[in-house]
Amino acid sequence: MRLDDFDYQLPEDLIALRPARPRPASRLLVAGPDAQHDSQVANLPEWLRPGDLLVLNDTRVIPARLTGRRERPGGAGATIEATLVGFTTGGLWRALARPGKRLAVGDRIDFGPLSALVRAKDGAEVTLAFDREGPAFEAALAEAGEIPLPPYIATRRAADAQDRDDYQTVFARHPGAVAAPTASLHFDAGLLDALAARGVSTARVTLHVGAGTFLPVKVDDIETHRMHAEWGEIGEDAVAAIRATRAAGGRVIPVGTTALRLIETAAAPGKIRPWRGETDIFIRPGYDFRVTDGLMTNFHLPKSTLLMLVSALMGIERIRAIYAHAIADRYRFFSYGDSSLLLPHGI
């Protein structure tokens, strides 16, 4: 398959720059193999069945975008922007620095309440050792950092205080993501209560979404593309809930592509089991889904691996039709946009 197989034209005014309020007021396109219905996220319980299971990603977005000053013995200072992209062993962080050419191994960057030493460098990516860790690091990062909005929003407006709430799920728990699991942004406490009243269960998993989710695919033959790795964990409780749901004939429906990628990784041996580590699973047409029966997800960028994933679930031609309907009906796209409920086996 070629990269152009996953292209489409989107009017720029359909890119959402702010979320709907309240959160469940977003529109919801419910799509099966041969039909779709226009609805709202608030009506999600009506489209699900008692005994279904929603799998939620409880990662927490950190304020990963930092601006600081390079300090070099005997050298002039320079303004540096750094976006944290992942935690590594030994208490180090990988970051994308701009301008990277102004940094060298051994430089120190002053970010106000934080400072960091450059331990390694590979082009624009640097490895940083911060001067504190644990709760002290998290408190200083909250003071110094900004929420790293996706490029298609950040190029149109600056992040502000409202984004600290808007770009965080109501069930965020484990800090470490540099991008939100955006399908989960539509949920609030009232919707979670309505789902429980309907008999729909939820399970929590953690996958720390990395900045690589925004990187473009640069190869024409998608089979040669290599995914970025992201850290995740699925525990005993979530595994038990998935097994029980499937045994009882219910549907397992991850909320977001991150939750889907994690549960499919954990089910790779053929039976889902507790799992912890980095996953670089690449789901594209031809993939055989092991535990996923549906997916709630926002509308994804052209030529993206996420568009390839939903095409694997629904079929390339069906996704083209779904997206054509969403564009014609003026759904709002991407991170702060509307959502879809994809049910490949029927609504």
Protein backbone atom coordinates (compact mmCIF):
# COMPACT_ATOMS: atom_id res chain seq x y z
CA MET A 1 0.00 0.00 0.00
CA ARG A 2 1.09 3.52 -0.79
CA LEU A 3 1.01 6.58 1.44
CA ASP A 4 -1.28 8.33 -1.06
CA ASP A 5 -3.94 5.69 -0.35
CA PHE A 6 -4.53 7.48 2.96
CA ASP A 7 -4.78 11.05 1.73
CA TYR A 8 -7.80 13.34 1.73
CA GLN A 9 -8.49 17.08 1.43
CA LEU A 10 -9.69 18.89 4.55
CA PRO A 11 -10.89 22.52 4.60
CA GLU A 12 -8.75 24.39 7.13
CA ASP A 13 -11.78 25.85 8.87
CA LEU A 14 -12.75 22.35 10.04
CA ILE A 15 -9.64 22.09 12.23
CA ALA A 16 -10.90 22.68 15.77
CA LEU A 17 -8.86 25.20 17.77
CA ARG A 18 -10.96 24.88 20.95
CA PRO A 19 -13.03 22.00 22.31
CA ALA A 20 -16.79 21.92 22.63
CA ARG A 21 -18.27 22.82 26.00
CA PRO A 22 -19.49 20.94 27.88
CA ARG A 23 -17.22 18.10 26.80
CA PRO A 24 -19.97 15.65 25.74
CA ALA A 25 -21.53 18.34 23.51
CA SER A 26 -19.13 17.26 20.76
CA ARG A 27 -20.71 15.55 17.79
CA LEU A 28 -20.41 11.79 17.40
CA LEU A 29 -20.49 10.00 14.04
CA VAL A 30 -21.61 6.43 14.70
CA ALA A 31 -20.51 4.23 11.81
CA GLY A 32 -20.99 0.57 11.00
CA PRO A 33 -19.91 -1.40 7.93
CA ASP A 34 -22.60 0.08 5.68
CA ALA A 35 -24.37 2.93 7.50
CA GLN A 36 -23.65 5.91 9.72
CA HIS A 37 -25.67 8.11 12.04
CA ASP A 38 -25.09 11.66 13.26
CA SER A 39 -25.29 11.99 17.03
CA GLN A 40 -23.61 13.58 20.05
CA VAL A 41 -21.11 12.20 22.54
CA ALA A 42 -23.70 12.84 25.24
CA ASN A 43 -25.78 10.09 23.57
CA LEU A 44 -22.95 7.54 23.63
CA PRO A 45 -24.74 5.29 26.18
CA GLU A 46 -27.62 4.85 23.71
CA TRP A 47 -25.24 3.44 21.08
CA LEU A 48 -23.66 0.93 23.46
CA ARG A 49 -25.12 -2.23 25.00
CA PRO A 50 -25.21 -3.40 28.60
CA GLY A 51 -22.17 -5.62 29.03
CA ASP A 52 -19.94 -3.59 26.70
CA LEU A 53 -16.55 -2.46 28.01
CA LEU A 54 -14.85 0.86 27.28
CA VAL A 55 -11.05 0.84 27.72
CA LEU A 56 -9.76 4.25 28.86
CA ASN A 57 -6.21 5.58 28.79
CA ASP A 58 -5.49 7.29 32.12
CA THR A 59 -2.17 8.89 31.14
CA ARG A 60 -1.67 12.50 32.22
CA VAL A 61 -0.25 15.16 29.91
CA ILE A 62 2.73 17.00 31.35
CA PRO A 63 3.56 20.67 30.56
CA ALA A 64 6.40 19.48 28.38
CA ARG A 65 7.26 22.65 26.44
CA LEU A 66 10.05 24.66 28.10
CA THR A 67 11.83 27.89 27.25
CA GLY A 68 15.22 28.57 28.82
CA ARG A 69 18.66 30.05 28.52
CA ARG A 70 21.79 28.14 27.59
CA GLU A 71 24.62 28.66 30.05
CA ARG A 72 28.12 27.72 28.88
CA PRO A 73 31.35 28.48 30.76
CA GLY A 74 33.08 31.30 28.96
CA GLY A 75 30.41 31.43 26.26
CA ALA A 76 27.47 33.62 25.36
CA GLY A 77 23.97 32.64 26.40
CA ALA A 78 21.28 31.64 23.92
CA THR A 79 17.51 31.17 24.12
CA ILE A 80 16.51 27.52 23.80
CA GLU A 81 13.10 25.92 23.40
CA ALA A 82 12.85 22.28 24.47
CA THR A 83 9.91 19.92 24.23
CA LEU A 84 10.18 16.80 26.35
CA VAL A 85 9.34 13.71 24.32
CA GLY A 86 10.04 10.82 26.66
CA PHE A 87 11.52 9.61 29.92
CA THR A 88 14.54 7.30 29.71
CA THR A 89 16.45 5.14 32.15
CA GLY A 90 18.61 6.78 34.80
CA GLY A 91 16.28 9.71 35.37
CA LEU A 92 16.99 11.30 31.98
CA TRP A 93 14.59 12.91 29.51
CA ARG A 94 14.71 12.98 25.72
CA ALA A 95 13.76 16.36 24.27
CA LEU A 96 13.53 18.13 20.93
CA ALA A 97 15.54 21.35 21.15
CA ARG A 98 15.22 24.45 18.98
CA PRO A 99 17.60 25.66 17.73
CA GLY A 100 19.45 22.41 18.32
CA LYS A 101 22.61 23.70 16.66
CA ARG A 102 23.17 26.03 19.62
CA LEU A 103 23.54 23.15 22.05
CA ALA A 104 26.45 20.84 22.77
CA VAL A 105 27.03 18.04 25.25
CA GLY A 106 27.93 19.58 28.59
CA ASP A 107 25.81 22.72 28.17
CA ARG A 108 23.47 23.69 30.99
CA ILE A 109 20.02 25.14 30.28
CA ASP A 110 18.30 27.35 32.85
CA PHE A 111 14.51 26.98 32.69
CA GLY A 112 13.81 29.17 35.72
CA PRO A 113 12.73 26.80 38.52
CA LEU A 114 14.45 23.97 36.63
CA SER A 115 17.86 23.51 35.10
CA ALA A 116 19.19 20.67 32.98
CA LEU A 117 22.53 19.39 31.74
CA VAL A 118 22.83 18.19 28.13
CA ARG A 119 24.13 14.63 28.39
CA ALA A 120 23.81 13.57 24.74
CA LYS A 121 22.82 15.02 21.39
CA ASP A 122 21.63 13.58 18.08
CA GLY A 123 20.62 16.34 15.69
CA ALA A 124 17.73 18.27 17.25
CA GLU A 125 17.16 15.58 19.90
CA VAL A 126 18.99 15.96 23.18
CA THR A 127 19.12 13.96 26.39
CA LEU A 128 18.67 16.09 29.49
CA ALA A 129 19.55 15.45 33.12
CA PHE A 130 17.42 17.72 35.31
CA ASP A 131 18.50 19.03 38.69
CA ARG A 132 15.61 17.37 40.53
CA GLU A 133 13.29 14.41 40.24
CA GLY A 134 10.05 12.98 41.59
CA PRO A 135 7.48 15.37 43.09
CA ALA A 136 10.00 18.24 43.17
CA PHE A 137 10.56 17.87 39.42
CA GLU A 138 6.80 17.68 38.71
CA ALA A 139 6.14 20.83 40.76
CA ALA A 140 8.91 22.79 39.00
CA LEU A 141 7.79 21.55 35.58
CA ALA A 142 4.23 22.66 36.31
CA GLU A 143 5.59 26.14 37.03
CA ALA A 144 8.01 26.38 34.11
CA GLY A 145 6.34 24.39 31.33
CA GLU A 146 3.49 24.86 28.90
CA ILE A 147 1.07 22.32 27.49
CA PRO A 148 2.52 21.17 24.13
CA LEU A 149 -0.43 21.68 21.81
CA PRO A 150 -0.36 19.79 18.49
CA PRO A 151 1.30 21.66 15.61
CA TYR A 152 -2.00 22.20 13.74
CA ILE A 153 -3.24 24.19 16.75
CA ALA A 154 0.03 25.73 17.94
CA THR A 155 0.68 27.31 14.53
CA ARG A 156 -2.69 29.07 14.73
CA ARG A 157 -2.73 30.23 18.34
CA ALA A 158 -0.60 30.09 21.48
CA ALA A 159 -1.33 27.75 24.37
CA ASP A 160 -2.99 29.42 27.34
CA ALA A 161 -4.21 28.63 30.84
CA GLN A 162 -7.47 27.14 29.53
CA ASP A 163 -5.54 24.45 27.67
CA ARG A 164 -4.25 23.06 30.97
CA ASP A 165 -7.79 21.88 31.65
CA ASP A 166 -9.03 21.38 28.10
CA TYR A 167 -6.09 19.19 27.03
CA GLN A 168 -6.41 16.83 30.00
CA THR A 169 -8.90 14.00 30.50
CA VAL A 170 -11.08 13.97 33.61
CA PHE A 171 -9.59 10.58 34.58
CA ALA A 172 -5.92 11.48 33.94
CA ARG A 173 -3.80 9.89 36.64
CA HIS A 174 -0.27 8.89 35.62
CA PRO A 175 1.92 11.77 34.34
CA GLY A 176 4.12 11.14 31.34
CA ALA A 177 2.29 11.95 28.08
CA VAL A 178 3.26 14.86 25.85
CA ALA A 179 0.02 14.60 23.89
CA ALA A 180 -3.49 13.83 25.08
CA PRO A 181 -5.49 10.68 24.29
CA THR A 182 -7.91 13.01 22.56
CA ALA A 183 -10.96 10.75 22.18
CA SER A 184 -11.12 10.71 25.98
CA LEU A 185 -11.36 14.51 26.16
CA HIS A 186 -15.10 14.21 25.42
CA PHE A 187 -15.86 12.50 28.74
CA ASP A 188 -16.98 14.15 31.96
CA ALA A 189 -18.27 12.77 35.26
CA GLY A 190 -21.89 12.94 34.10
CA LEU A 191 -21.20 10.87 30.99
CA LEU A 192 -19.26 8.27 32.98
CA ASP A 193 -22.22 7.99 35.38
CA ALA A 194 -24.65 7.60 32.47
CA LEU A 195 -22.53 4.82 30.97
CA ALA A 196 -22.45 2.97 34.29
CA ALA A 197 -26.23 3.31 34.61
CA ARG A 198 -26.55 1.79 31.13
CA GLY A 199 -24.53 -1.22 32.24
CA VAL A 200 -21.40 -0.26 30.30
CA SER A 201 -18.19 -0.98 32.22
CA THR A 202 -14.85 0.80 31.99
CA ALA A 203 -11.27 -0.41 32.41
CA ARG A 204 -8.17 1.76 32.80
CA VAL A 205 -4.84 1.30 31.04
CA THR A 206 -1.88 3.65 30.67
CA LEU A 207 -0.03 4.57 27.50
CA HIS A 208 2.12 7.70 27.57
CA VAL A 209 1.50 9.33 24.21
CA GLY A 210 4.76 10.61 22.70
CA ALA A 211 5.53 13.48 20.36
CA GLY A 212 6.10 10.92 17.63
CA THR A 213 2.32 10.76 17.22
CA PHE A 214 2.61 14.05 15.29
CA LEU A 215 5.55 13.05 13.08
CA PRO A 216 4.65 12.62 9.39
CA VAL A 217 5.13 9.35 7.55
CA LYS A 218 8.05 9.95 5.19
CA VAL A 219 8.00 6.78 3.07
CA ASP A 220 5.83 6.06 0.04
CA ASP A 221 5.57 2.33 0.81
CA ILE A 222 3.94 2.20 4.23
CA GLU A 223 5.28 -1.31 4.88
CA THR A 224 8.72 0.25 5.34
CA HIS A 225 7.53 2.77 7.96
CA ARG A 226 8.82 2.31 11.51
CA MET A 227 6.67 3.46 14.39
CA HIS A 228 7.86 5.51 17.35
CA ALA A 229 7.84 3.58 20.63
CA GLU A 230 5.60 4.58 23.53
CA TRP A 231 5.58 3.28 27.09
CA GLY A 232 2.46 1.59 28.37
CA GLU A 233 1.04 -0.71 31.01
CA ILE A 234 -2.05 -2.87 31.34
CA GLY A 235 -2.67 -4.44 34.71
CA GLU A 236 -4.49 -7.47 36.08
CA ASP A 237 -7.79 -5.65 36.63
CA ALA A 238 -8.03 -4.43 33.03
CA VAL A 239 -7.04 -7.83 31.66
CA ALA A 240 -9.68 -9.52 33.82
CA ALA A 241 -12.33 -7.05 32.64
CA ILE A 242 -11.49 -7.66 28.97
CA ARG A 243 -11.54 -11.44 29.39
CA ALA A 244 -14.84 -11.35 31.29
CA THR A 245 -16.46 -9.07 28.71
CA ARG A 246 -15.49 -11.28 25.81
CA ALA A 247 -16.55 -14.43 27.64
CA ALA A 248 -20.00 -12.91 28.29
CA GLY A 249 -20.46 -11.81 24.67
CA GLY A 250 -19.90 -8.09 25.29
CA ARG A 251 -17.87 -5.81 23.09
CA VAL A 252 -14.42 -4.44 23.97
CA ILE A 253 -14.24 -0.87 22.69
CA PRO A 254 -11.09 1.15 23.38
CA VAL A 255 -11.49 4.91 23.64
CA GLY A 256 -8.72 6.24 21.43
CA THR A 257 -6.06 4.69 19.24
CA THR A 258 -3.59 4.69 22.14
CA ALA A 259 -5.74 2.37 24.24
CA LEU A 260 -6.34 0.19 21.18
CA ARG A 261 -2.63 -0.13 20.38
CA LEU A 262 -1.89 -1.07 23.97
CA ILE A 263 -4.49 -3.81 24.34
CA GLU A 264 -3.57 -5.26 20.95
CA THR A 265 0.09 -5.29 22.02
CA ALA A 266 -0.82 -7.09 25.24
CA ALA A 267 -2.80 -9.65 23.23
CA ALA A 268 -0.03 -10.31 20.70
CA PRO A 269 0.67 -13.90 21.90
CA GLY A 270 -2.98 -14.73 21.20
CA LYS A 271 -4.36 -14.21 24.70
CA ILE A 272 -4.38 -10.90 26.48
CA ARG A 273 -2.25 -10.76 29.61
CA PRO A 274 -0.78 -8.08 31.92
CA TRP A 275 1.94 -6.21 30.09
CA ARG A 276 4.39 -3.38 30.73
CA GLY A 277 6.98 -1.86 28.42
CA GLU A 278 7.42 0.01 25.14
CA THR A 279 5.25 -0.73 22.14
CA ASP A 280 5.88 0.22 18.52
CA ILE A 281 2.99 -1.80 17.10
CA PHE A 282 2.00 -0.58 13.61
CA ILE A 283 -1.62 -1.36 12.78
CA ARG A 284 -2.50 -0.95 9.11
CA PRO A 285 -4.88 -2.67 6.65
CA GLY A 286 -4.44 -6.42 6.82
CA TYR A 287 -3.98 -6.47 10.59
CA ASP A 288 -5.93 -9.17 12.45
CA PHE A 289 -7.52 -7.59 15.53
CA ARG A 290 -7.33 -9.84 18.59
CA VAL A 291 -9.46 -8.18 21.28
CA THR A 292 -10.86 -5.00 19.72
CA ASP A 293 -14.54 -4.99 18.67
CA GLY A 294 -14.92 -1.26 18.01
CA LEU A 295 -13.25 2.08 18.59
CA MET A 296 -14.19 5.57 19.72
CA THR A 297 -11.77 8.01 18.13
CA ASN A 298 -11.47 11.52 16.75
CA PHE A 299 -10.87 12.29 13.07
CA HIS A 300 -7.22 11.91 12.08
CA LEU A 301 -4.74 13.70 9.84
CA PRO A 302 -4.29 12.72 6.20
CA LYS A 303 -1.44 10.26 5.53
CA SER A 304 -1.11 9.49 9.24
CA THR A 305 -0.55 6.12 10.92
CA LEU A 306 -3.76 6.74 12.88
CA LEU A 307 -5.75 6.99 9.66
CA MET A 308 -4.11 3.71 8.63
CA LEU A 309 -5.24 2.17 11.94
CA VAL A 310 -8.91 3.08 11.49
CA SER A 311 -8.68 1.92 7.87
CA ALA A 312 -7.49 -1.45 9.19
CA LEU A 313 -10.52 -1.62 11.48
CA MET A 314 -13.20 -0.51 9.01
CA GLY A 315 -11.62 -0.96 5.58
CA ILE A 316 -10.00 1.72 3.41
CA GLU A 317 -13.04 2.44 1.24
CA ARG A 318 -15.38 2.56 4.24
CA ILE A 319 -13.16 5.05 6.05
CA ARG A 320 -13.02 7.19 2.92
CA ALA A 321 -16.81 7.28 2.89
CA ILE A 322 -17.00 8.04 6.62
CA TYR A 323 -14.54 10.91 6.31
CA ALA A 324 -16.30 12.26 3.22
CA HIS A 325 -19.54 12.33 5.20
CA ALA A 326 -17.85 14.05 8.14
CA ILE A 327 -16.36 16.74 5.89
CA ALA A 328 -19.61 17.31 4.00
CA ASP A 329 -21.53 17.59 7.28
CA ARG A 330 -18.85 19.89 8.73
CA TYR A 331 -17.66 17.82 11.66
CA ARG A 332 -14.74 19.38 13.54
CA PHE A 333 -11.42 17.56 13.08
CA PHE A 334 -8.33 16.53 15.06
CA SER A 335 -7.47 16.86 18.76
CA TYR A 336 -10.12 19.34 19.89
CA GLY A 337 -12.63 18.18 17.30
CA ASP A 338 -15.60 15.84 17.19
CA SER A 339 -15.50 12.07 17.55
CA SER A 340 -16.62 8.86 15.91
CA LEU A 341 -17.75 5.47 17.14
CA LEU A 342 -16.52 2.84 14.68
CA LEU A 343 -18.28 -0.54 14.86
CA PRO A 344 -17.00 -2.85 12.12
CA HIS A 345 -19.39 -5.70 13.02
CA GLY A 346 -22.54 -3.59 12.99
CA ILE A 347 -24.18 -0.85 15.03
